[in-house]
Amino acid sequence: MDYFFGFKSVISQPEAEPSPADTVLRLVERVTSSTLLEDRRDACRAIKALSKKYRLEVGAHGLDALIAVLISDPDLETSSFVLETLCNVTSSEVFDEEGVGAPVGEQFTEIFLKKSENVISVITLLDEYDFHVRLPAIRLLMNLLNNKSKEMQEIILACPMGVAKLIDILSDSRDFVRNEALLLLIQLTKSNANIQNIIAYERGFDQLFKVVASEGYSDGGIVVDDSLQLMLNLLKRNASNQTVFREESCMKEITPFFRSCQPSESDPGHSWSTQKISNVHSMLQVVRTLVSPANATQVVSPAQKNVYGCGLLSELCALLMSPGVPADILSEIICTVGESIRGCRRNQEFFGQVMASSSPPRTALIVLLMSMVNEKQPVPLRAAVLYCFECFLYKNDVSQGQIIQALLPTSTEAMQNISAGQLLCGGLFSTDCLSHWLSSVALSHALVGNVNNKELLLRVHLAIAKDVAPVSLLQQAFNILQMGGKLQTRLGILTLLSTWLADSPNSVAQFLKLPNAVAFLTALVASNEHDDQEVLVQSLCAFLLGLCVVYNNDSNSNFSKESLCQLITKRIGVETFVDKLAEIAKHEVYSKALKHPQIRINTAADIQFDHEFCRLYKALESVIAKAVAPPTSPKGAESPSESELKAVSKYKDVIREQDGQIQHLRQRLAALEGDHIAAQSKIEELNVNLHHLQDQNTLLKAQRNNNVIIDESEPSSQSESSTEKLMKQLEALRLDNERLQGQLEQQQSAKDLGMPVVCSFFRPESSANTMDLELKTVRSRLDAMEAELAETKRCLSVSIAENAELKEEIDRLKKDQEDLLVLLADQDGKVQKYKDRLKTLGQTVSEDEDEELDDLGEDDEEFSS
């Protein structure tokens, strides 16, 4: 009985459960060793089921086997299991089944990409229409691209028709497959111009517009936004693709997109969903990419013409005037319209004639300016209107003149119709500081590059109140500046005044006549305020005061150019003035505004510079700094003696002469180095020829010593310089020699025995004569080769001698250079000594002379290095 109980306990003992690694290993062994398709398929299915929970074990033990199946197994179901397994193994996310742990997808991706054939095999499977194969193949490529983008881009570029196969999937009728391919292409085209160009040349734009149209244009889902994001990747900073886009007439495909945004009769409210806002914003970005001022003119100008020609500008303007458009989309539309008309006269004229549906009728431009000076409107919207207005006036002298002429009404009807200029002047008297800045900058753009308008604006007078006499706009602007106020107000007025006075001597003369104008600016620049905002105002005041110096026509004797320079020297100090002037360029907003003309303001308190003002400042800062420098030394300073001045002048002449000698020596050294390089290459070439000739000479000597008779049908060619060819020729000559000697022996034996010669064509007398002739030919060729070899040796010896002479010349020049540098160092010390002495005596060395000496010093350092 105990025996049976013991036996029962033995057979009921459970077996040890295999570990996940053992299970994976057994399955992998089935994949690699099974001959039946069903066995391999079942094993791959089982591995796929384990690939999420035991990703590390599957990747470590089965990756090579899975890749082998993927490449060699034609069964689509097995391939789908393998692709899904590889998707899980290479995924960057952490699955819930595997618990907490570091993702290993990137490591397995690196292993997978070691052989480009692995990726090519996946791309090849994209030809299969079965979505169980095509879909996991796309997702696997996406995982690989997310983990190793640059490596994947290079492999796909090298794969024949790799990008074309991905584009073809966009025409797949199954949305879920097409959408996955769209996401893959978005990731693939990031920062790779070559792939971007291939997609554009493969008519990728047509495919994308078909997707957008099939999804319902602006009312479509996220697929529309994805398509537009891919389009942006293809167009941004890619001039060639922008040209392809224009030449394929893709611009007209955008027009129905914005037409779909218009409110219909059945839906006058025309609600805007979050997805629709995103779709419209992306399409506006596409248009702005094509007409951006950052692009080259030869790219922007044709694009702007297409925008007008296909009716897109008309649709944008209609949408601009439509009710119910969200504020952020409206701001983007305004900027898009602005860049579409910037610098294009026909588009600017069209926009100037667009009418808004208002009572009384007003142009769209007037309605937009009314929004700009309205402090209740969102700040980004007001900034967008200013940018659009600037684009409208850019290189548009006709519209600039109309803005200023409207401020000088010639009839009662003109006074009754509100104009853009009147709106801007009204904005100067607003209680909103941002309106002051926006109006001042907008009005300044009517003056940019237009001297006539600057003088016409001097005639504009404003009536502040009924009982107060009208004052000039120039006087009123300066009064606003004198009253202080917030930073935006002062920056705006200073921007307007600076643009007004630049390149306009008459405007400067009128400004200098204003009471306390010079005293006010001088006091502000000379103040010791250290607040960042006040320092910025002081810098702009210094710039304005400098313009009064540069463009002074000396019509005002009290404030002539010379007197203003003396005033700056006494009240401010030249160094202080130059330091204050340079503060603008140190500010962060200056760098941003200088890069792009668009105004970007998020809150009313944001500090902003105008792009055109920054360009003006950049062009004139150095001019002003030189203009205010005192031409002579201060009074009371002791002048240096005549002998000291002569000594300084003498040393300057010596330095100039030595600088000329240095330049001459540099040129001569460069020429000698070029000759040396040429001689070296010639020597190498001669050495190669010498070796070839020596080899040929050796062969010919061997032929002569062995009495080798060369057959006339295979002469030795001197042009063959290859050793291999010479060896083949030698072998042929050896065989001919053996053949001829055999014939000679046969002839001699037949002659001794008195037998007839078997070979009827071979006669002893003619054969002997022929061999003697061929032997002479070989000897003559050998003599010619030896003569040529002697000539080559002679040329080589001449080249070696010339090379030695060049080396001696270079060594001599280096020695002369070292002596010259020592002399220059000594002269520099003497010059510095005299400069210090002049400064001690109160004599100021001019900037030109000082810069010249510094430049000479820099040249010396560069030459010595």
Foldseek 3Di string as FASTA:
>chain_A
DVVVVVVVVVVPDDDDDDDPLVLLLVLLCQLVPPPDPVSNQVSLQVLLVCCQQPVVSCLVRPVVSLLVCLQPPPDQSSNLSSLSSLLNNLACDRDVNNPDDHRCNLVSLVVQLPDLVSLLSLLVQCVDPPCSNNVSSLSSLQSSCVNPVVSSLVSQVVRVCSLVSLLVQLPPPDVVSNLSSLVSLLSNLAPDQVSLVVCLVSVVLVSLLVVCVVQPQLPGACSLLSSLSSLCSSQAPHLVSLVSCVVVLVLLSCQVNLVSQAADPVGLLRDADPSSLSNLLSSLVSLCSQLPPVDDPVRNVSSLVSCVVSCVLVSLVVVLQRPNDDLVSNLSSLLSLLSSQQPPVVSLVVQQPDWHPDVVIDHPLVVQLVLLLDPVHAPSSNLSSLSSLLSSLHVPLPVLVVLLVLLVDDDPVSVVDDGSNNSLLVLCPDPALLSLQSSLVSNLSSLAPPQPSLVSLQPRWDDPDDVDDTDRPLQVLVVQCVVPDDLSNNQSSLLNLLSSLAPHQVSLVVQVPHPCNLVVLLVLLQDDDDDLSSLLSNLSSLSSLLSSLVSHPCPDVCDHNQNSLVCCCPSHNLVSSLVSNCSLVVDPQLVVQCVHQRDDDRDSPDDHDGNSSSVVSVVCSVVSSVSSDDPFFDPPFFADDPVLVVVLVVLVVVLVVLVVVLVVLVVVVVVLVVVLVVLVVVLVVLVLVLVLLVVVLVLLVVCLVLLQFDDPVDDDDPVDSDPVVVVVSSVVSVVNRVVLVVQVVQVVVCVVVVHDRPPPVDDPVVSVVNSVVRSVVSVVVSVVSVVVSVVSVVVSVVSVVVSVVSVVVVVVSVVVLVVSLVVVVVSLVVSVVSCVVRVVSRGDDDPVVVVVSVVSVVVSVVVVD
